[in-house]
Amino acid sequence: PGNHLYQLCKDAEGNYVVMELYADAEALEAHGKSEH
């Protein structure tokens, strides 16, 4: 619930980027610790 954006993107050269947005530091920490 603390994640507001998690999008896989690809640039013109085929390089992958993930754009992520979190409510706060706790939400980002929870992401890194999640089982998935």
PDB file of all heavy atoms in Angstrom:
ATOM      1  N   PRO A   1       0.802  -1.229   0.000  1.00  0.00           N
ATOM      2  CA  PRO A   1       0.000   0.000   0.000  1.00  0.00           C
ATOM      3  C   PRO A   1       0.834   1.278   0.000  1.00  0.00           C
ATOM      4  O   PRO A   1       0.367   2.325  -0.442  1.00  0.00           O
ATOM      5  CB  PRO A   1      -0.848  -0.118   1.271  1.00  0.00           C
ATOM      6  CG  PRO A   1      -0.173  -1.143   2.109  1.00  0.00           C
ATOM      7  CD  PRO A   1       0.557  -2.060   1.176  1.00  0.00           C
ATOM      8  N   GLY A   2       2.089   1.202   0.478  1.00  0.00           N
ATOM      9  CA  GLY A   2       2.956   2.380   0.498  1.00  0.00           C
ATOM     10  C   GLY A   2       3.647   2.658  -0.822  1.00  0.00           C
ATOM     11  O   GLY A   2       4.341   3.659  -0.968  1.00  0.00           O
ATOM     12  N   ASN A   3       3.450   1.772  -1.808  1.00  0.00           N
ATOM     13  CA  ASN A   3       4.028   1.986  -3.133  1.00  0.00           C
ATOM     14  C   ASN A   3       2.973   2.640  -4.016  1.00  0.00           C
ATOM     15  O   ASN A   3       1.851   2.142  -4.137  1.00  0.00           O
ATOM     16  CB  ASN A   3       4.479   0.660  -3.753  1.00  0.00           C
ATOM     17  CG  ASN A   3       4.941   0.850  -5.188  1.00  0.00           C
ATOM     18  OD1 ASN A   3       4.142   0.815  -6.115  1.00  0.00           O
ATOM     19  ND2 ASN A   3       6.212   1.080  -5.362  1.00  0.00           N
ATOM     20  N   HIS A   4       3.323   3.752  -4.652  1.00  0.00           N
ATOM     21  CA  HIS A   4       2.381   4.479  -5.501  1.00  0.00           C
ATOM     22  C   HIS A   4       2.689   4.335  -6.988  1.00  0.00           C
ATOM     23  O   HIS A   4       1.862   4.701  -7.827  1.00  0.00           O
ATOM     24  CB  HIS A   4       2.368   5.965  -5.123  1.00  0.00           C
ATOM     25  CG  HIS A   4       1.958   6.198  -3.708  1.00  0.00           C
ATOM     26  ND1 HIS A   4       0.761   5.777  -3.179  1.00  0.00           N
ATOM     27  CD2 HIS A   4       2.611   6.804  -2.678  1.00  0.00           C
ATOM     28  CE1 HIS A   4       0.680   6.122  -1.905  1.00  0.00           C
ATOM     29  NE2 HIS A   4       1.795   6.737  -1.578  1.00  0.00           N
ATOM     30  N   LEU A   5       3.872   3.831  -7.318  1.00  0.00           N
ATOM     31  CA  LEU A   5       4.251   3.655  -8.720  1.00  0.00           C
ATOM     32  C   LEU A   5       5.352   2.613  -8.790  1.00  0.00           C
ATOM     33  O   LEU A   5       6.308   2.659  -8.010  1.00  0.00           O
ATOM     34  CB  LEU A   5       4.772   4.982  -9.305  1.00  0.00           C
ATOM     35  CG  LEU A   5       5.222   4.946 -10.768  1.00  0.00           C
ATOM     36  CD1 LEU A   5       4.020   4.847 -11.697  1.00  0.00           C
ATOM     37  CD2 LEU A   5       6.040   6.182 -11.107  1.00  0.00           C
ATOM     38  N   TYR A   6       5.188   1.671  -9.713  1.00  0.00           N
ATOM     39  CA  TYR A   6       6.220   0.649  -9.931  1.00  0.00           C
ATOM     40  C   TYR A   6       6.086   0.233 -11.384  1.00  0.00           C
ATOM     41  O   TYR A   6       5.317  -0.672 -11.716  1.00  0.00           O
ATOM     42  CB  TYR A   6       6.013  -0.541  -8.980  1.00  0.00           C
ATOM     43  CG  TYR A   6       7.253  -1.375  -8.783  1.00  0.00           C
ATOM     44  CD1 TYR A   6       8.205  -1.026  -7.841  1.00  0.00           C
ATOM     45  CD2 TYR A   6       7.470  -2.520  -9.544  1.00  0.00           C
ATOM     46  CE1 TYR A   6       9.349  -1.788  -7.637  1.00  0.00           C
ATOM     47  CE2 TYR A   6       8.612  -3.297  -9.350  1.00  0.00           C
ATOM     48  CZ  TYR A   6       9.534  -2.924  -8.402  1.00  0.00           C
ATOM     49  OH  TYR A   6      10.667  -3.685  -8.205  1.00  0.00           O
ATOM     50  N   GLN A   7       6.784   0.935 -12.253  1.00  0.00           N
ATOM     51  CA  GLN A   7       6.601   0.756 -13.692  1.00  0.00           C
ATOM     52  C   GLN A   7       7.900   0.364 -14.373  1.00  0.00           C
ATOM     53  O   GLN A   7       8.922   1.044 -14.216  1.00  0.00           O
ATOM     54  CB  GLN A   7       6.089   2.051 -14.330  1.00  0.00           C
ATOM     55  CG  GLN A   7       4.695   2.441 -13.898  1.00  0.00           C
ATOM     56  CD  GLN A   7       3.639   1.489 -14.427  1.00  0.00           C
ATOM     57  OE1 GLN A   7       3.690   1.052 -15.564  1.00  0.00           O
ATOM     58  NE2 GLN A   7       2.677   1.155 -13.604  1.00  0.00           N
ATOM     59  N   LEU A   8       7.844  -0.709 -15.143  1.00  0.00           N
ATOM     60  CA  LEU A   8       8.979  -1.126 -15.966  1.00  0.00           C
ATOM     61  C   LEU A   8       8.934  -0.340 -17.264  1.00  0.00           C
ATOM     62  O   LEU A   8       7.911  -0.299 -17.945  1.00  0.00           O
ATOM     63  CB  LEU A   8       8.902  -2.631 -16.250  1.00  0.00           C
ATOM     64  CG  LEU A   8      10.001  -3.188 -17.162  1.00  0.00           C
ATOM     65  CD1 LEU A   8      11.378  -2.994 -16.544  1.00  0.00           C
ATOM     66  CD2 LEU A   8       9.742  -4.654 -17.464  1.00  0.00           C
ATOM     67  N   CYS A   9      10.054   0.283 -17.617  1.00  0.00           N
ATOM     68  CA  CYS A   9      10.158   1.099 -18.826  1.00  0.00           C
ATOM     69  C   CYS A   9      11.381   0.645 -19.624  1.00  0.00           C
ATOM     70  O   CYS A   9      12.281  -0.004 -19.087  1.00  0.00           O
ATOM     71  CB  CYS A   9      10.317   2.572 -18.460  1.00  0.00           C
ATOM     72  SG  CYS A   9       9.040   3.197 -17.336  1.00  0.00           S
ATOM     73  N   LYS A  10      11.407   1.011 -20.903  1.00  0.00           N
ATOM     74  CA  LYS A  10      12.555   0.675 -21.752  1.00  0.00           C
ATOM     75  C   LYS A  10      12.847   1.872 -22.647  1.00  0.00           C
ATOM     76  O   LYS A  10      11.936   2.438 -23.252  1.00  0.00           O
ATOM     77  CB  LYS A  10      12.226  -0.567 -22.586  1.00  0.00           C
ATOM     78  CG  LYS A  10      13.405  -1.108 -23.367  1.00  0.00           C
ATOM     79  CD  LYS A  10      13.225  -2.561 -23.810  1.00  0.00           C
ATOM     80  CE  LYS A  10      12.162  -2.775 -24.825  1.00  0.00           C
ATOM     81  NZ  LYS A  10      12.208  -4.130 -25.422  1.00  0.00           N
ATOM     82  N   ASP A  11      14.125   2.248 -22.723  1.00  0.00           N
ATOM     83  CA  ASP A  11      14.495   3.391 -23.557  1.00  0.00           C
ATOM     84  C   ASP A  11      14.701   2.964 -25.017  1.00  0.00           C
ATOM     85  O   ASP A  11      14.580   1.782 -25.352  1.00  0.00           O
ATOM     86  CB  ASP A  11      15.697   4.144 -22.977  1.00  0.00           C
ATOM     87  CG  ASP A  11      17.008   3.371 -23.044  1.00  0.00           C
ATOM     88  OD1 ASP A  11      17.117   2.388 -23.805  1.00  0.00           O
ATOM     89  OD2 ASP A  11      17.953   3.770 -22.327  1.00  0.00           O
ATOM     90  N   ALA A  12      15.027   3.923 -25.859  1.00  0.00           N
ATOM     91  CA  ALA A  12      15.168   3.667 -27.294  1.00  0.00           C
ATOM     92  C   ALA A  12      16.286   2.677 -27.612  1.00  0.00           C
ATOM     93  O   ALA A  12      16.246   2.007 -28.644  1.00  0.00           O
ATOM     94  CB  ALA A  12      15.404   4.990 -28.037  1.00  0.00           C
ATOM     95  N   GLU A  13      17.271   2.568 -26.719  1.00  0.00           N
ATOM     96  CA  GLU A  13      18.382   1.636 -26.932  1.00  0.00           C
ATOM     97  C   GLU A  13      18.093   0.250 -26.363  1.00  0.00           C
ATOM     98  O   GLU A  13      18.936  -0.640 -26.441  1.00  0.00           O
ATOM     99  CB  GLU A  13      19.673   2.183 -26.310  1.00  0.00           C
ATOM    100  CG  GLU A  13      20.306   3.333 -27.090  1.00  0.00           C
ATOM    101  CD  GLU A  13      19.599   4.647 -26.828  1.00  0.00           C
ATOM    102  OE1 GLU A  13      19.295   4.942 -25.654  1.00  0.00           O
ATOM    103  OE2 GLU A  13      19.331   5.372 -27.792  1.00  0.00           O
ATOM    104  N   GLY A  14      16.928   0.073 -25.753  1.00  0.00           N
ATOM    105  CA  GLY A  14      16.568  -1.227 -25.195  1.00  0.00           C
ATOM    106  C   GLY A  14      16.990  -1.441 -23.759  1.00  0.00           C
ATOM    107  O   GLY A  14      16.932  -2.561 -23.257  1.00  0.00           O
ATOM    108  N   ASN A  15      17.420  -0.370 -23.075  1.00  0.00           N
ATOM    109  CA  ASN A  15      17.813  -0.464 -21.670  1.00  0.00           C
ATOM    110  C   ASN A  15      16.586  -0.359 -20.773  1.00  0.00           C
ATOM    111  O   ASN A  15      15.702   0.463 -21.015  1.00  0.00           O
ATOM    112  CB  ASN A  15      18.796   0.660 -21.316  1.00  0.00           C
ATOM    113  CG  ASN A  15      20.040   0.588 -22.164  1.00  0.00           C
ATOM    114  OD1 ASN A  15      20.726  -0.428 -22.185  1.00  0.00           O
ATOM    115  ND2 ASN A  15      20.338   1.657 -22.878  1.00  0.00           N
ATOM    116  N   TYR A  16      16.552  -1.182 -19.745  1.00  0.00           N
ATOM    117  CA  TYR A  16      15.407  -1.214 -18.835  1.00  0.00           C
ATOM    118  C   TYR A  16      15.604  -0.303 -17.634  1.00  0.00           C
ATOM    119  O   TYR A  16      16.689  -0.225 -17.066  1.00  0.00           O
ATOM    120  CB  TYR A  16      15.173  -2.636 -18.328  1.00  0.00           C
ATOM    121  CG  TYR A  16      14.687  -3.572 -19.392  1.00  0.00           C
ATOM    122  CD1 TYR A  16      15.569  -4.414 -20.059  1.00  0.00           C
ATOM    123  CD2 TYR A  16      13.345  -3.618 -19.743  1.00  0.00           C
ATOM    124  CE1 TYR A  16      15.125  -5.286 -21.038  1.00  0.00           C
ATOM    125  CE2 TYR A  16      12.886  -4.484 -20.725  1.00  0.00           C
ATOM    126  CZ  TYR A  16      13.784  -5.318 -21.366  1.00  0.00           C
ATOM    127  OH  TYR A  16      13.335  -6.173 -22.341  1.00  0.00           O
ATOM    128  N   VAL A  17      14.509   0.358 -17.254  1.00  0.00           N
ATOM    129  CA  VAL A  17      14.480   1.228 -16.083  1.00  0.00           C
ATOM    130  C   VAL A  17      13.178   0.944 -15.335  1.00  0.00           C
ATOM    131  O   VAL A  17      12.127   0.784 -15.963  1.00  0.00           O
ATOM    132  CB  VAL A  17      14.531   2.721 -16.496  1.00  0.00           C
ATOM    133  CG1 VAL A  17      14.365   3.625 -15.291  1.00  0.00           C
ATOM    134  CG2 VAL A  17      15.819   3.037 -17.232  1.00  0.00           C
ATOM    135  N   VAL A  18      13.261   0.888 -14.008  1.00  0.00           N
ATOM    136  CA  VAL A  18      12.048   0.803 -13.202  1.00  0.00           C
ATOM    137  C   VAL A  18      11.894   2.139 -12.488  1.00  0.00           C
ATOM    138  O   VAL A  18      12.816   2.614 -11.834  1.00  0.00           O
ATOM    139  CB  VAL A  18      12.112  -0.353 -12.180  1.00  0.00           C
ATOM    140  CG1 VAL A  18      10.840  -0.380 -11.340  1.00  0.00           C
ATOM    141  CG2 VAL A  18      12.295  -1.680 -12.897  1.00  0.00           C
ATOM    142  N   MET A  19      10.711   2.736 -12.657  1.00  0.00           N
ATOM    143  CA  MET A  19      10.374   3.984 -11.969  1.00  0.00           C
ATOM    144  C   MET A  19       9.496   3.614 -10.778  1.00  0.00           C
ATOM    145  O   MET A  19       8.477   2.941 -10.943  1.00  0.00           O
ATOM    146  CB  MET A  19       9.657   4.930 -12.922  1.00  0.00           C
ATOM    147  CG  MET A  19      10.539   5.354 -14.086  1.00  0.00           C
ATOM    148  SD  MET A  19       9.677   6.290 -15.371  1.00  0.00           S
ATOM    149  CE  MET A  19       8.939   7.590 -14.448  1.00  0.00           C
ATOM    150  N   GLU A  20       9.904   4.066  -9.580  1.00  0.00           N
ATOM    151  CA  GLU A  20       9.228   3.679  -8.351  1.00  0.00           C
ATOM    152  C   GLU A  20       8.915   4.920  -7.515  1.00  0.00           C
ATOM    153  O   GLU A  20       9.679   5.883  -7.515  1.00  0.00           O
ATOM    154  CB  GLU A  20      10.111   2.742  -7.529  1.00  0.00           C
ATOM    155  CG  GLU A  20      10.626   1.547  -8.315  1.00  0.00           C
ATOM    156  CD  GLU A  20      11.640   0.714  -7.557  1.00  0.00           C
ATOM    157  OE1 GLU A  20      11.500   0.570  -6.313  1.00  0.00           O
ATOM    158  OE2 GLU A  20      12.579   0.210  -8.190  1.00  0.00           O
ATOM    159  N   LEU A  21       7.803   4.852  -6.788  1.00  0.00           N
ATOM    160  CA  LEU A  21       7.412   5.957  -5.912  1.00  0.00           C
ATOM    161  C   LEU A  21       6.829   5.370  -4.627  1.00  0.00           C
ATOM    162  O   LEU A  21       5.955   4.499  -4.687  1.00  0.00           O
ATOM    163  CB  LEU A  21       6.373   6.837  -6.614  1.00  0.00           C
ATOM    164  CG  LEU A  21       5.953   8.125  -5.925  1.00  0.00           C
ATOM    165  CD1 LEU A  21       7.134   9.078  -5.762  1.00  0.00           C
ATOM    166  CD2 LEU A  21       4.838   8.801  -6.719  1.00  0.00           C
ATOM    167  N   TYR A  22       7.330   5.846  -3.491  1.00  0.00           N
ATOM    168  CA  TYR A  22       6.934   5.309  -2.188  1.00  0.00           C
ATOM    169  C   TYR A  22       6.437   6.426  -1.275  1.00  0.00           C
ATOM    170  O   TYR A  22       6.931   7.548  -1.333  1.00  0.00           O
ATOM    171  CB  TYR A  22       8.115   4.597  -1.520  1.00  0.00           C
ATOM    172  CG  TYR A  22       8.568   3.406  -2.315  1.00  0.00           C
ATOM    173  CD1 TYR A  22       9.557   3.538  -3.291  1.00  0.00           C
ATOM    174  CD2 TYR A  22       7.988   2.161  -2.130  1.00  0.00           C
ATOM    175  CE1 TYR A  22       9.947   2.449  -4.055  1.00  0.00           C
ATOM    176  CE2 TYR A  22       8.371   1.066  -2.890  1.00  0.00           C
ATOM    177  CZ  TYR A  22       9.358   1.219  -3.845  1.00  0.00           C
ATOM    178  OH  TYR A  22       9.745   0.144  -4.603  1.00  0.00           O
ATOM    179  N   ALA A  23       5.491   6.091  -0.411  1.00  0.00           N
ATOM    180  CA  ALA A  23       4.902   7.061   0.506  1.00  0.00           C
ATOM    181  C   ALA A  23       5.936   7.649   1.450  1.00  0.00           C
ATOM    182  O   ALA A  23       5.883   8.831   1.794  1.00  0.00           O
ATOM    183  CB  ALA A  23       3.771   6.411   1.306  1.00  0.00           C
ATOM    184  N   ASP A  24       6.902   6.807   1.858  1.00  0.00           N
ATOM    185  CA  ASP A  24       7.911   7.254   2.814  1.00  0.00           C
ATOM    186  C   ASP A  24       9.037   6.219   2.887  1.00  0.00           C
ATOM    187  O   ASP A  24       8.988   5.194   2.192  1.00  0.00           O
ATOM    188  CB  ASP A  24       7.294   7.498   4.199  1.00  0.00           C
ATOM    189  CG  ASP A  24       6.470   6.319   4.691  1.00  0.00           C
ATOM    190  OD1 ASP A  24       6.791   5.148   4.335  1.00  0.00           O
ATOM    191  OD2 ASP A  24       5.495   6.548   5.429  1.00  0.00           O
ATOM    192  N   ALA A  25      10.021   6.485   3.723  1.00  0.00           N
ATOM    193  CA  ALA A  25      11.171   5.588   3.857  1.00  0.00           C
ATOM    194  C   ALA A  25      10.745   4.204   4.350  1.00  0.00           C
ATOM    195  O   ALA A  25      11.318   3.193   3.945  1.00  0.00           O
ATOM    196  CB  ALA A  25      12.202   6.197   4.803  1.00  0.00           C
ATOM    197  N   GLU A  26       9.728   4.165   5.210  1.00  0.00           N
ATOM    198  CA  GLU A  26       9.249   2.879   5.733  1.00  0.00           C
ATOM    199  C   GLU A  26       8.662   2.025   4.611  1.00  0.00           C
ATOM    200  O   GLU A  26       8.850   0.808   4.576  1.00  0.00           O
ATOM    201  CB  GLU A  26       8.219   3.096   6.847  1.00  0.00           C
ATOM    202  CG  GLU A  26       8.800   3.652   8.123  1.00  0.00           C
ATOM    203  CD  GLU A  26       9.112   5.145   8.080  1.00  0.00           C
ATOM    204  OE1 GLU A  26       8.537   5.874   7.221  1.00  0.00           O
ATOM    205  OE2 GLU A  26       9.949   5.588   8.886  1.00  0.00           O
ATOM    206  N   ALA A  27       7.946   2.644   3.687  1.00  0.00           N
ATOM    207  CA  ALA A  27       7.363   1.909   2.565  1.00  0.00           C
ATOM    208  C   ALA A  27       8.454   1.363   1.645  1.00  0.00           C
ATOM    209  O   ALA A  27       8.350   0.236   1.148  1.00  0.00           O
ATOM    210  CB  ALA A  27       6.408   2.810   1.778  1.00  0.00           C
ATOM    211  N   LEU A  28       9.508   2.141   1.440  1.00  0.00           N
ATOM    212  CA  LEU A  28      10.625   1.677   0.620  1.00  0.00           C
ATOM    213  C   LEU A  28      11.342   0.518   1.311  1.00  0.00           C
ATOM    214  O   LEU A  28      11.678  -0.483   0.672  1.00  0.00           O
ATOM    215  CB  LEU A  28      11.595   2.827   0.338  1.00  0.00           C
ATOM    216  CG  LEU A  28      12.859   2.477  -0.445  1.00  0.00           C
ATOM    217  CD1 LEU A  28      12.536   1.808  -1.778  1.00  0.00           C
ATOM    218  CD2 LEU A  28      13.693   3.734  -0.668  1.00  0.00           C
ATOM    219  N   GLU A  29      11.518   0.630   2.612  1.00  0.00           N
ATOM    220  CA  GLU A  29      12.162  -0.446   3.366  1.00  0.00           C
ATOM    221  C   GLU A  29      11.306  -1.717   3.317  1.00  0.00           C
ATOM    222  O   GLU A  29      11.823  -2.823   3.143  1.00  0.00           O
ATOM    223  CB  GLU A  29      12.382  -0.008   4.817  1.00  0.00           C
ATOM    224  CG  GLU A  29      13.145  -1.022   5.635  1.00  0.00           C
ATOM    225  CD  GLU A  29      13.405  -0.550   7.070  1.00  0.00           C
ATOM    226  OE1 GLU A  29      13.285   0.654   7.343  1.00  0.00           O
ATOM    227  OE2 GLU A  29      13.728  -1.420   7.899  1.00  0.00           O
ATOM    228  N   ALA A  30      10.003  -1.566   3.449  1.00  0.00           N
ATOM    229  CA  ALA A  30       9.092  -2.719   3.401  1.00  0.00           C
ATOM    230  C   ALA A  30       9.174  -3.405   2.040  1.00  0.00           C
ATOM    231  O   ALA A  30       9.099  -4.634   1.948  1.00  0.00           O
ATOM    232  CB  ALA A  30       7.661  -2.271   3.690  1.00  0.00           C
ATOM    233  N   HIS A  31       9.349  -2.632   0.984  1.00  0.00           N
ATOM    234  CA  HIS A  31       9.490  -3.210  -0.367  1.00  0.00           C
ATOM    235  C   HIS A  31      10.691  -4.138  -0.423  1.00  0.00           C
ATOM    236  O   HIS A  31      10.599  -5.274  -0.877  1.00  0.00           O
ATOM    237  CB  HIS A  31       9.617  -2.093  -1.402  1.00  0.00           C
ATOM    238  CG  HIS A  31      10.014  -2.574  -2.754  1.00  0.00           C
ATOM    239  ND1 HIS A  31       9.189  -3.355  -3.524  1.00  0.00           N
ATOM    240  CD2 HIS A  31      11.155  -2.402  -3.469  1.00  0.00           C
ATOM    241  CE1 HIS A  31       9.801  -3.644  -4.671  1.00  0.00           C
ATOM    242  NE2 HIS A  31      10.999  -3.068  -4.649  1.00  0.00           N
ATOM    243  N   GLY A  32      11.822  -3.656   0.072  1.00  0.00           N
ATOM    244  CA  GLY A  32      13.046  -4.445   0.032  1.00  0.00           C
ATOM    245  C   GLY A  32      12.995  -5.697   0.884  1.00  0.00           C
ATOM    246  O   GLY A  32      13.693  -6.672   0.604  1.00  0.00           O
ATOM    247  N   LYS A  33      12.156  -5.689   1.912  1.00  0.00           N
ATOM    248  CA  LYS A  33      12.049  -6.836   2.813  1.00  0.00           C
ATOM    249  C   LYS A  33      10.912  -7.782   2.426  1.00  0.00           C
ATOM    250  O   LYS A  33      10.760  -8.835   3.047  1.00  0.00           O
ATOM    251  CB  LYS A  33      11.820  -6.345   4.249  1.00  0.00           C
ATOM    252  CG  LYS A  33      13.023  -5.651   4.839  1.00  0.00           C
ATOM    253  CD  LYS A  33      12.745  -5.204   6.264  1.00  0.00           C
ATOM    254  CE  LYS A  33      13.983  -4.612   6.912  1.00  0.00           C
ATOM    255  NZ  LYS A  33      13.724  -4.138   8.279  1.00  0.00           N
ATOM    256  N   SER A  34      10.112  -7.414   1.435  1.00  0.00           N
ATOM    257  CA  SER A  34       8.936  -8.220   1.085  1.00  0.00           C
ATOM    258  C   SER A  34       9.334  -9.572   0.513  1.00  0.00           C
ATOM    259  O   SER A  34      10.373  -9.716  -0.130  1.00  0.00           O
ATOM    260  CB  SER A  34       8.063  -7.460   0.076  1.00  0.00           C
ATOM    261  OG  SER A  34       8.729  -7.359  -1.171  1.00  0.00           O
ATOM    262  N   GLU A  35       8.480 -10.553   0.758  1.00  0.00           N
ATOM    263  CA  GLU A  35       8.749 -11.909   0.264  1.00  0.00           C
ATOM    264  C   GLU A  35       8.779 -11.942  -1.258  1.00  0.00           C
ATOM    265  O   GLU A  35       9.598 -12.630  -1.862  1.00  0.00           O
ATOM    266  CB  GLU A  35       7.709 -12.892   0.808  1.00  0.00           C
ATOM    267  CG  GLU A  35       7.880 -13.183   2.283  1.00  0.00           C
ATOM    268  CD  GLU A  35       9.266 -13.682   2.647  1.00  0.00           C
ATOM    269  OE1 GLU A  35       9.794 -14.571   1.951  1.00  0.00           O
ATOM    270  OE2 GLU A  35       9.841 -13.182   3.634  1.00  0.00           O
ATOM    271  N   HIS A  36       7.875 -11.200  -1.911  1.00  0.00           N
ATOM    272  CA  HIS A  36       7.834 -11.226  -3.380  1.00  0.00           C
ATOM    273  C   HIS A  36       9.094 -10.594  -3.971  1.00  0.00           C
ATOM    274  O   HIS A  36       9.577 -11.047  -4.999  1.00  0.00           O
ATOM    275  CB  HIS A  36       6.555 -10.578  -3.940  1.00  0.00           C
ATOM    276  CG  HIS A  36       6.242  -9.233  -3.373  1.00  0.00           C
ATOM    277  ND1 HIS A  36       5.405  -9.057  -2.303  1.00  0.00           N
ATOM    278  CD2 HIS A  36       6.662  -8.001  -3.715  1.00  0.00           C
ATOM    279  CE1 HIS A  36       5.311  -7.764  -2.026  1.00  0.00           C
ATOM    280  NE2 HIS A  36       6.064  -7.106  -2.876  1.00  0.00           N
TER     281      HIS A  36
END
